[in-house]
Amino acid sequence: MIKLLRYTEYLYLMVAFFSGYRLIELLGTESDERLLFGVFFVVSIGMFFFRRNYRKKFEKREKGL
């Protein structure tokens, strides 16, 4: 279970990397995609840290048992 949580963290980082790359590509345009990729970038970075914090709490709780 913990390994699965670790992989989902890195999945969010991959989404953030792709979204950040597309966001940089679209900076000079007047596209609505720019906003969409910006939101994906921010949310995926936030989810990475949220999942990481949750996993560490879960590991700490399992060590205590």
N, C-alpha and C. Protein backbone atom coordinates (compact mmCIF):
# COMPACT_ATOMS: atom_id res chain seq x y z
N MET A 1 0.83 -1.20 0.00
CA MET A 1 0.00 0.00 0.00
C MET A 1 0.86 1.25 0.00
N ILE A 2 1.92 1.26 0.80
CA ILE A 2 2.76 2.45 0.89
C ILE A 2 3.51 2.67 -0.42
N LYS A 3 3.91 1.57 -1.10
CA LYS A 3 4.59 1.73 -2.38
C LYS A 3 3.67 2.37 -3.41
N LEU A 4 2.39 2.02 -3.37
CA LEU A 4 1.43 2.62 -4.29
C LEU A 4 1.30 4.12 -4.02
N LEU A 5 1.28 4.51 -2.76
CA LEU A 5 1.20 5.92 -2.42
C LEU A 5 2.44 6.68 -2.91
N ARG A 6 3.59 6.02 -2.83
CA ARG A 6 4.82 6.66 -3.30
C ARG A 6 4.78 6.88 -4.82
N TYR A 7 4.23 5.91 -5.55
CA TYR A 7 4.15 6.04 -7.01
C TYR A 7 3.17 7.15 -7.41
N THR A 8 2.09 7.30 -6.66
CA THR A 8 1.14 8.36 -7.01
C THR A 8 1.75 9.74 -6.79
N GLU A 9 2.65 9.85 -5.82
CA GLU A 9 3.35 11.13 -5.63
C GLU A 9 4.11 11.50 -6.89
N TYR A 10 4.84 10.55 -7.43
CA TYR A 10 5.64 10.82 -8.62
C TYR A 10 4.78 11.02 -9.86
N LEU A 11 3.60 10.43 -9.88
CA LEU A 11 2.67 10.68 -10.97
C LEU A 11 2.25 12.15 -10.99
N TYR A 12 1.98 12.69 -9.81
CA TYR A 12 1.64 14.11 -9.72
C TYR A 12 2.81 15.00 -10.17
N LEU A 13 4.03 14.60 -9.85
CA LEU A 13 5.19 15.36 -10.31
C LEU A 13 5.34 15.32 -11.82
N MET A 14 5.03 14.17 -12.42
CA MET A 14 5.10 14.08 -13.89
C MET A 14 4.05 14.97 -14.54
N VAL A 15 2.86 15.00 -13.96
CA VAL A 15 1.81 15.89 -14.49
C VAL A 15 2.24 17.35 -14.34
N ALA A 16 2.85 17.68 -13.21
CA ALA A 16 3.33 19.05 -12.99
C ALA A 16 4.41 19.42 -14.00
N PHE A 17 5.32 18.50 -14.26
CA PHE A 17 6.39 18.76 -15.22
C PHE A 17 5.82 19.00 -16.62
N PHE A 18 4.91 18.12 -17.04
CA PHE A 18 4.30 18.28 -18.36
C PHE A 18 3.50 19.58 -18.45
N SER A 19 2.73 19.88 -17.42
CA SER A 19 1.92 21.09 -17.42
C SER A 19 2.80 22.34 -17.41
N GLY A 20 3.88 22.31 -16.64
CA GLY A 20 4.79 23.44 -16.61
C GLY A 20 5.47 23.65 -17.96
N TYR A 21 5.83 22.56 -18.61
CA TYR A 21 6.45 22.64 -19.94
C TYR A 21 5.48 23.26 -20.95
N ARG A 22 4.23 22.76 -20.94
CA ARG A 22 3.23 23.31 -21.87
C ARG A 22 2.91 24.77 -21.53
N LEU A 23 2.90 25.09 -20.26
CA LEU A 23 2.63 26.47 -19.84
C LEU A 23 3.71 27.40 -20.37
N ILE A 24 4.95 27.00 -20.28
CA ILE A 24 6.05 27.82 -20.79
C ILE A 24 5.96 27.96 -22.31
N GLU A 25 5.57 26.87 -22.99
CA GLU A 25 5.40 26.94 -24.44
C GLU A 25 4.30 27.92 -24.85
N LEU A 26 3.26 28.01 -24.05
CA LEU A 26 2.08 28.81 -24.40
C LEU A 26 2.12 30.23 -23.84
N LEU A 27 3.22 30.65 -23.21
CA LEU A 27 3.26 31.96 -22.57
C LEU A 27 3.03 33.12 -23.55
N GLY A 28 3.48 33.01 -24.76
CA GLY A 28 3.33 34.12 -25.70
C GLY A 28 2.03 34.13 -26.45
N THR A 29 1.13 33.21 -26.18
CA THR A 29 -0.12 33.12 -26.93
C THR A 29 -1.29 33.65 -26.12
N GLU A 30 -2.39 33.83 -26.79
CA GLU A 30 -3.62 34.28 -26.13
C GLU A 30 -4.60 33.11 -25.99
N SER A 31 -4.08 31.96 -25.64
CA SER A 31 -4.88 30.74 -25.58
C SER A 31 -5.45 30.51 -24.18
N ASP A 32 -6.63 29.89 -24.14
CA ASP A 32 -7.22 29.51 -22.86
C ASP A 32 -6.50 28.28 -22.28
N GLU A 33 -5.77 27.58 -23.12
CA GLU A 33 -5.00 26.43 -22.64
C GLU A 33 -3.97 26.86 -21.61
N ARG A 34 -3.49 28.06 -21.74
CA ARG A 34 -2.49 28.59 -20.81
C ARG A 34 -3.02 28.57 -19.38
N LEU A 35 -4.25 28.99 -19.21
CA LEU A 35 -4.88 28.98 -17.89
C LEU A 35 -5.09 27.55 -17.40
N LEU A 36 -5.53 26.68 -18.29
CA LEU A 36 -5.77 25.29 -17.94
C LEU A 36 -4.49 24.60 -17.46
N PHE A 37 -3.40 24.77 -18.20
CA PHE A 37 -2.15 24.14 -17.81
C PHE A 37 -1.56 24.80 -16.55
N GLY A 38 -1.82 26.08 -16.37
CA GLY A 38 -1.38 26.74 -15.14
C GLY A 38 -2.08 26.17 -13.91
N VAL A 39 -3.38 25.93 -14.05
CA VAL A 39 -4.15 25.35 -12.94
C VAL A 39 -3.68 23.93 -12.68
N PHE A 40 -3.48 23.14 -13.74
CA PHE A 40 -2.97 21.77 -13.56
C PHE A 40 -1.62 21.78 -12.87
N PHE A 41 -0.77 22.71 -13.22
CA PHE A 41 0.56 22.79 -12.62
C PHE A 41 0.46 23.06 -11.12
N VAL A 42 -0.32 24.04 -10.75
CA VAL A 42 -0.44 24.42 -9.34
C VAL A 42 -1.11 23.30 -8.53
N VAL A 43 -2.18 22.73 -9.07
CA VAL A 43 -2.90 21.68 -8.35
C VAL A 43 -2.04 20.43 -8.20
N SER A 44 -1.32 20.06 -9.24
CA SER A 44 -0.51 18.84 -9.14
C SER A 44 0.65 19.01 -8.17
N ILE A 45 1.25 20.19 -8.10
CA ILE A 45 2.29 20.44 -7.10
C ILE A 45 1.69 20.37 -5.70
N GLY A 46 0.53 20.96 -5.52
CA GLY A 46 -0.15 20.90 -4.22
C GLY A 46 -0.52 19.48 -3.83
N MET A 47 -0.99 18.70 -4.79
CA MET A 47 -1.34 17.31 -4.51
C MET A 47 -0.10 16.47 -4.19
N PHE A 48 1.02 16.78 -4.83
CA PHE A 48 2.26 16.07 -4.52
C PHE A 48 2.62 16.25 -3.05
N PHE A 49 2.61 17.49 -2.58
CA PHE A 49 2.97 17.73 -1.18
C PHE A 49 1.92 17.19 -0.22
N PHE A 50 0.65 17.25 -0.60
CA PHE A 50 -0.41 16.69 0.24
C PHE A 50 -0.25 15.18 0.36
N ARG A 51 -0.05 14.49 -0.76
CA ARG A 51 0.14 13.04 -0.75
C ARG A 51 1.39 12.64 0.02
N ARG A 52 2.45 13.41 -0.15
CA ARG A 52 3.70 13.10 0.54
C ARG A 52 3.51 13.20 2.05
N ASN A 53 2.85 14.26 2.48
CA ASN A 53 2.58 14.44 3.90
C ASN A 53 1.70 13.31 4.43
N TYR A 54 0.68 12.93 3.68
CA TYR A 54 -0.23 11.87 4.08
C TYR A 54 0.52 10.54 4.18
N ARG A 55 1.40 10.24 3.22
CA ARG A 55 2.15 8.99 3.23
C ARG A 55 3.08 8.92 4.44
N LYS A 56 3.74 10.04 4.74
CA LYS A 56 4.65 10.05 5.89
C LYS A 56 3.90 9.85 7.19
N LYS A 57 2.73 10.43 7.33
CA LYS A 57 1.91 10.21 8.52
C LYS A 57 1.48 8.76 8.61
N PHE A 58 1.14 8.17 7.47
CA PHE A 58 0.72 6.78 7.43
C PHE A 58 1.86 5.86 7.83
N GLU A 59 3.07 6.14 7.32
CA GLU A 59 4.25 5.33 7.68
C GLU A 59 4.56 5.46 9.16
N LYS A 60 4.46 6.67 9.69
CA LYS A 60 4.73 6.90 11.10
C LYS A 60 3.72 6.15 11.97
N ARG A 61 2.48 6.14 11.56
CA ARG A 61 1.44 5.44 12.33
C ARG A 61 1.67 3.93 12.29
N GLU A 62 2.10 3.40 11.12
CA GLU A 62 2.35 1.96 11.03
C GLU A 62 3.57 1.54 11.85
N LYS A 63 4.57 2.40 11.96
CA LYS A 63 5.74 2.08 12.77
C LYS A 63 5.39 2.06 14.23
N GLY A 64 4.43 2.86 14.62
CA GLY A 64 4.00 2.92 16.01
C GLY A 64 3.22 1.71 16.45
N LEU A 65 2.64 0.97 15.51
CA LEU A 65 1.84 -0.21 15.88
C LEU A 65 2.67 -1.38 16.14
